[in-house]
């Protein structure tokens, strides 16, 4: 396992196609800091340019995923500082959505405020039993940032989203799962193992196809049906000529699992 320790607030390890990003401010429940946002942006940029990285996981060290904004600094910011801070956060969220590789949020303990929204910006959310989600902004007279007002209404509908945002009550993991916020729930003592199993399964898939799936599925939220149908047509005409597709077809004929890791999925084939 290769470890890149470039930022004390964010730990990054890469092994067998999986980049594991860990938020690392356990004493503050991994509350956001400028260094943490910078570290996350750098890690996503690294993942984008590293062809060996096929899937990314984001987790939190210590007792929780992330408490969101740092309560120790609340009340000290002015309009300009807030504007610039949210701008940095926005760049992170956009880079995560633009990355054509799956990102998995592994949530335990609390995912609150911007921490919740960081998880929503991922493609899959896995959660440990007893974990909770809360958008606590209105409790301190603020609105949700970090994309929460974009992701949550599209995920659970605007009426339910507004209730959660208005009341700012914790959402237990069972309710989050029933609402479609969480994909899977695992026992805490098995959580790391289950997350790694899930990530390994995704990492073994066709990276090029996954990239297009993520991109087009996200575009579908703001596109018309004719536009998405055309995107599907153009993209399918592209991926049908990839080595990943050739390997998948060959594996199907030979009644075996495809080995996409050995196929150069990004190279078009003329054969």
Protein backbone atom coordinates (compact mmCIF):
# COMPACT_ATOMS: atom_id res chain seq x y z
CA UNK A 1 0.00 0.00 0.00
CA UNK A 2 1.39 3.38 -1.01
CA UNK A 3 0.90 6.17 1.52
CA UNK A 4 1.02 9.83 0.58
CA UNK A 5 1.10 12.01 3.70
CA UNK A 6 1.12 15.49 2.24
CA UNK A 7 -1.44 17.06 4.57
CA UNK A 8 -1.91 16.31 8.28
CA UNK A 9 -5.67 16.94 8.04
CA UNK A 10 -6.12 14.46 5.18
CA UNK A 11 -4.47 11.03 4.95
CA UNK A 12 -4.22 9.33 1.56
CA UNK A 13 -3.35 5.71 0.80
CA UNK A 14 -3.49 3.94 -2.55
CA UNK A 15 -3.55 0.18 -3.00
CA UNK A 16 -4.70 -2.08 -5.86
CA UNK A 17 -6.68 0.61 -7.64
CA UNK A 18 -8.34 2.06 -4.52
CA UNK A 19 -7.45 5.51 -3.18
CA UNK A 20 -8.44 5.68 0.49
CA UNK A 21 -8.88 9.24 1.74
CA UNK A 22 -9.29 9.73 5.48
CA UNK A 23 -10.36 13.00 7.12
CA UNK A 24 -7.90 13.38 9.97
CA UNK A 25 -8.99 15.82 12.67
CA UNK A 26 -10.38 13.27 15.14
CA UNK A 27 -10.17 15.62 18.13
CA UNK A 28 -12.71 17.92 16.43
CA UNK A 29 -14.77 15.08 14.90
CA UNK A 30 -13.10 15.86 11.56
CA UNK A 31 -14.59 19.33 11.34
CA UNK A 32 -13.61 21.12 8.16
CA UNK A 33 -10.51 23.32 8.08
CA UNK A 34 -8.91 25.18 5.16
CA UNK A 35 -6.11 22.59 5.23
CA UNK A 36 -8.61 19.74 5.03
CA UNK A 37 -10.37 21.24 2.01
CA UNK A 38 -7.02 21.81 0.30
CA UNK A 39 -5.95 18.25 1.07
CA UNK A 40 -9.18 16.84 -0.35
CA UNK A 41 -8.84 18.93 -3.50
CA UNK A 42 -5.26 17.75 -3.96
CA UNK A 43 -6.25 14.10 -3.47
CA UNK A 44 -9.08 14.33 -6.02
CA UNK A 45 -6.70 15.98 -8.49
CA UNK A 46 -4.18 13.20 -7.92
CA UNK A 47 -6.89 10.56 -8.46
CA UNK A 48 -7.89 12.23 -11.72
CA UNK A 49 -4.41 11.99 -13.19
CA UNK A 50 -3.42 8.58 -11.77
CA UNK A 51 -4.62 5.89 -14.18
CA UNK A 52 -4.03 3.22 -11.53
CA UNK A 53 -6.72 4.75 -9.29
CA UNK A 54 -10.07 3.23 -10.23
CA UNK A 55 -12.21 4.09 -7.20
CA UNK A 56 -11.94 6.48 -4.23
CA UNK A 57 -13.22 6.06 -0.69
CA UNK A 58 -13.63 8.93 1.79
CA UNK A 59 -13.88 8.12 5.48
CA UNK A 60 -13.27 9.82 8.81
CA UNK A 61 -10.73 8.92 11.48
CA UNK A 62 -11.74 8.59 15.11
CA UNK A 63 -15.35 8.59 16.30
CA UNK A 64 -17.13 10.20 13.32
CA UNK A 65 -17.10 10.88 9.61
CA UNK A 66 -17.28 14.67 9.93
CA UNK A 67 -19.01 17.24 12.13
CA UNK A 68 -18.95 19.74 9.25
CA UNK A 69 -18.09 23.33 10.15
CA UNK A 70 -15.68 23.89 13.03
CA UNK A 71 -17.69 25.25 15.98
CA UNK A 72 -14.50 26.70 17.47
CA UNK A 73 -14.28 29.25 14.67
CA UNK A 74 -18.00 29.99 14.28
CA UNK A 75 -18.87 33.61 14.88
CA UNK A 76 -15.37 34.77 13.96
CA UNK A 77 -15.84 34.95 10.18
CA UNK A 78 -16.95 37.95 8.16
CA UNK A 79 -18.64 38.12 4.76
CA UNK A 80 -15.42 38.11 2.73
CA UNK A 81 -13.85 35.23 4.65
CA UNK A 82 -17.05 33.24 4.33
CA UNK A 83 -17.32 33.96 0.62
CA UNK A 84 -13.74 32.81 0.01
CA UNK A 85 -14.08 29.73 2.24
CA UNK A 86 -17.25 28.58 0.49
CA UNK A 87 -15.54 29.21 -2.83
CA UNK A 88 -12.80 26.73 -1.87
CA UNK A 89 -15.43 24.22 -0.75
CA UNK A 90 -17.34 24.69 -4.01
CA UNK A 91 -14.19 23.92 -6.00
CA UNK A 92 -13.85 20.66 -4.05
CA UNK A 93 -17.47 19.62 -4.65
CA UNK A 94 -17.25 20.40 -8.37
CA UNK A 95 -13.99 18.47 -8.70
CA UNK A 96 -15.63 15.44 -7.08
CA UNK A 97 -18.58 15.55 -9.46
CA UNK A 98 -16.33 16.15 -12.48
CA UNK A 99 -14.08 13.19 -11.59
CA UNK A 100 -15.06 10.34 -13.90
CA UNK A 101 -14.28 7.73 -11.25
CA UNK A 102 -16.63 6.40 -8.54
CA UNK A 103 -16.31 8.01 -5.10
CA UNK A 104 -17.61 6.13 -2.06
CA UNK A 105 -18.40 7.87 1.24
CA UNK A 106 -17.86 5.57 4.24
CA UNK A 107 -19.84 7.17 7.09
CA UNK A 108 -19.68 6.23 10.75
CA UNK A 109 -20.69 8.26 13.78
CA UNK A 110 -21.97 11.67 12.69
CA UNK A 111 -22.08 13.21 9.21
CA UNK A 112 -23.24 16.72 10.01
CA UNK A 113 -23.57 19.95 8.05
CA UNK A 114 -20.89 20.22 5.40
CA UNK A 115 -19.78 16.70 6.36
CA UNK A 116 -23.20 15.40 5.33
CA UNK A 117 -22.99 17.38 2.10
CA UNK A 118 -19.51 16.02 1.38
CA UNK A 119 -21.01 12.54 1.57
CA UNK A 120 -23.88 13.60 -0.73
CA UNK A 121 -21.30 14.79 -3.29
CA UNK A 122 -19.98 11.24 -3.51
CA UNK A 123 -21.53 8.60 -5.78
CA UNK A 124 -22.27 5.94 -3.16
CA UNK A 125 -22.84 6.27 0.60
CA UNK A 126 -22.09 3.30 2.85
CA UNK A 127 -22.90 3.74 6.54
CA UNK A 128 -22.23 1.96 9.80
CA UNK A 129 -25.11 1.06 12.12
CA UNK A 130 -25.83 3.73 14.74
CA UNK A 131 -24.49 6.48 12.46
CA UNK A 132 -26.54 9.66 12.07
CA UNK A 133 -26.92 12.40 9.49
CA UNK A 134 -27.92 15.98 10.24
CA UNK A 135 -28.06 19.27 8.35
CA UNK A 136 -27.69 21.55 11.34
CA UNK A 137 -27.21 24.88 9.56
CA UNK A 138 -30.57 26.39 10.55
CA UNK A 139 -29.76 25.77 14.23
CA UNK A 140 -27.15 28.53 13.96
CA UNK A 141 -29.07 30.75 11.54
CA UNK A 142 -27.33 29.62 8.35
CA UNK A 143 -28.30 27.94 5.09
CA UNK A 144 -26.86 24.68 3.84
CA UNK A 145 -23.70 24.98 1.74
CA UNK A 146 -21.40 22.53 -0.02
CA UNK A 147 -24.13 21.54 -2.46
CA UNK A 148 -26.69 20.39 0.09
CA UNK A 149 -29.43 22.53 -1.45
CA UNK A 150 -28.67 20.89 -4.81
CA UNK A 151 -28.16 17.24 -3.89
CA UNK A 152 -30.77 16.63 -1.21
CA UNK A 153 -33.91 17.91 -3.03
CA UNK A 154 -32.96 15.85 -6.08
CA UNK A 155 -32.42 12.80 -3.91
CA UNK A 156 -35.51 12.81 -1.68
CA UNK A 157 -37.71 15.53 -3.20
CA UNK A 158 -37.95 19.23 -2.29
CA UNK A 159 -40.70 18.91 0.33
CA UNK A 160 -38.99 16.31 2.48
CA UNK A 161 -35.63 18.05 1.96
CA UNK A 162 -37.02 21.38 3.17
CA UNK A 163 -38.44 19.74 6.29
CA UNK A 164 -35.04 18.23 7.13
CA UNK A 165 -33.31 21.55 6.46
CA UNK A 166 -35.84 23.56 8.48
CA UNK A 167 -36.00 21.28 11.52
CA UNK A 168 -32.32 20.21 11.49
CA UNK A 169 -33.12 17.03 13.42
CA UNK A 170 -30.71 14.06 13.27
CA UNK A 171 -31.62 11.38 10.74
CA UNK A 172 -30.95 7.88 12.02
CA UNK A 173 -29.21 5.55 9.60
CA UNK A 174 -32.31 3.39 9.09
CA UNK A 175 -34.35 6.39 7.97
CA UNK A 176 -31.48 7.61 5.78
CA UNK A 177 -31.43 4.20 4.13
CA UNK A 178 -35.20 4.17 3.58
CA UNK A 179 -35.03 7.67 2.08
CA UNK A 180 -32.40 6.51 -0.41
CA UNK A 181 -29.62 8.65 1.07
CA UNK A 182 -27.60 5.60 2.15
CA UNK A 183 -26.94 2.66 -0.17
CA UNK A 184 -25.95 0.01 2.39
CA UNK A 185 -25.68 -0.27 6.18
CA UNK A 186 -23.13 -2.50 7.91
CA UNK A 187 -22.31 -3.35 11.55
CA UNK A 188 -19.64 -1.04 12.94
CA UNK A 189 -17.27 -3.89 13.81
CA UNK A 190 -17.36 -5.06 10.18
CA UNK A 191 -17.56 -1.64 8.59
CA UNK A 192 -14.00 -1.16 7.32
CA UNK A 193 -13.95 -4.69 5.91
CA UNK A 194 -17.30 -4.25 4.15
CA UNK A 195 -16.30 -0.88 2.68
CA UNK A 196 -13.10 -2.40 1.31
CA UNK A 197 -15.02 -5.35 -0.16
CA UNK A 198 -17.43 -2.95 -1.87
CA UNK A 199 -14.60 -0.76 -3.16
CA UNK A 200 -12.74 -3.80 -4.48
CA UNK A 201 -15.84 -4.90 -6.38
CA UNK A 202 -16.17 -1.48 -8.02
CA UNK A 203 -12.43 -1.28 -8.71
CA UNK A 204 -12.64 -4.57 -10.62
CA UNK A 205 -15.22 -3.11 -13.02
CA UNK A 206 -14.85 -1.35 -16.39
CA UNK A 207 -13.34 2.02 -15.50
CA UNK A 208 -14.12 3.72 -18.81
CA UNK A 209 -17.78 2.69 -18.74
CA UNK A 210 -18.08 3.73 -15.09
CA UNK A 211 -16.76 7.18 -15.96
CA UNK A 212 -19.36 7.66 -18.67
CA UNK A 213 -22.14 6.26 -16.45
CA UNK A 214 -21.34 8.77 -13.70
CA UNK A 215 -21.10 11.68 -16.12
CA UNK A 216 -24.34 10.98 -17.99
CA UNK A 217 -26.33 10.02 -14.89
CA UNK A 218 -25.39 13.36 -13.32
CA UNK A 219 -26.25 15.23 -16.52
CA UNK A 220 -29.67 13.57 -16.55
CA UNK A 221 -30.70 15.70 -13.56
CA UNK A 222 -30.65 18.85 -15.67
CA UNK A 223 -31.08 17.46 -19.20
CA UNK A 224 -34.06 16.44 -21.30
CA UNK A 225 -34.79 12.85 -22.35
CA UNK A 226 -33.80 13.53 -26.00
CA UNK A 227 -30.48 14.99 -24.82
CA UNK A 228 -29.68 11.96 -22.66
CA UNK A 229 -30.74 9.53 -25.38
CA UNK A 230 -28.31 11.22 -27.76
CA UNK A 231 -25.56 11.13 -25.13
CA UNK A 232 -26.18 7.41 -24.68
CA UNK A 233 -26.03 6.81 -28.42
CA UNK A 234 -22.75 8.71 -28.90
CA UNK A 235 -21.13 7.17 -25.82
CA UNK A 236 -22.17 3.62 -26.64
CA UNK A 237 -20.70 4.03 -30.11
CA UNK A 238 -17.43 4.93 -28.36
CA UNK A 239 -17.24 2.28 -25.64
CA UNK A 240 -18.23 -0.55 -27.99
CA UNK A 241 -14.71 -0.25 -29.42
CA UNK A 242 -12.84 -0.37 -26.09
CA UNK A 243 -10.70 -3.22 -24.81
CA UNK A 244 -12.94 -3.41 -21.74
CA UNK A 245 -15.90 -4.27 -23.97
CA UNK A 246 -13.87 -6.86 -25.85
CA UNK A 247 -12.80 -8.45 -22.56
CA UNK A 248 -16.36 -8.42 -21.23
CA UNK A 249 -17.73 -10.14 -24.32
CA UNK A 250 -14.93 -12.71 -24.32
CA UNK A 251 -15.47 -13.46 -20.63
CA UNK A 252 -19.21 -13.87 -21.22
CA UNK A 253 -18.56 -16.37 -24.01
CA UNK A 254 -16.04 -18.26 -21.87
CA UNK A 255 -18.40 -18.21 -18.86
CA UNK A 256 -15.86 -16.52 -16.57
CA UNK A 257 -15.54 -13.23 -14.74
CA UNK A 258 -14.09 -10.43 -16.89
CA UNK A 259 -10.65 -9.13 -15.94
CA UNK A 260 -11.03 -5.45 -16.71
CA UNK A 261 -7.88 -4.55 -14.79
CA UNK A 262 -5.75 -6.20 -17.46
CA UNK A 263 -7.74 -4.67 -20.28
CA UNK A 264 -6.71 -1.18 -21.34
CA UNK A 265 -10.21 0.21 -21.02
CA UNK A 266 -9.28 3.68 -22.24
CA UNK A 267 -7.79 2.53 -25.53
CA UNK A 268 -10.05 2.14 -28.52
CA UNK A 269 -9.57 -1.01 -30.51
CA UNK A 270 -9.69 -1.30 -34.31
CA UNK A 271 -9.90 -5.08 -34.18
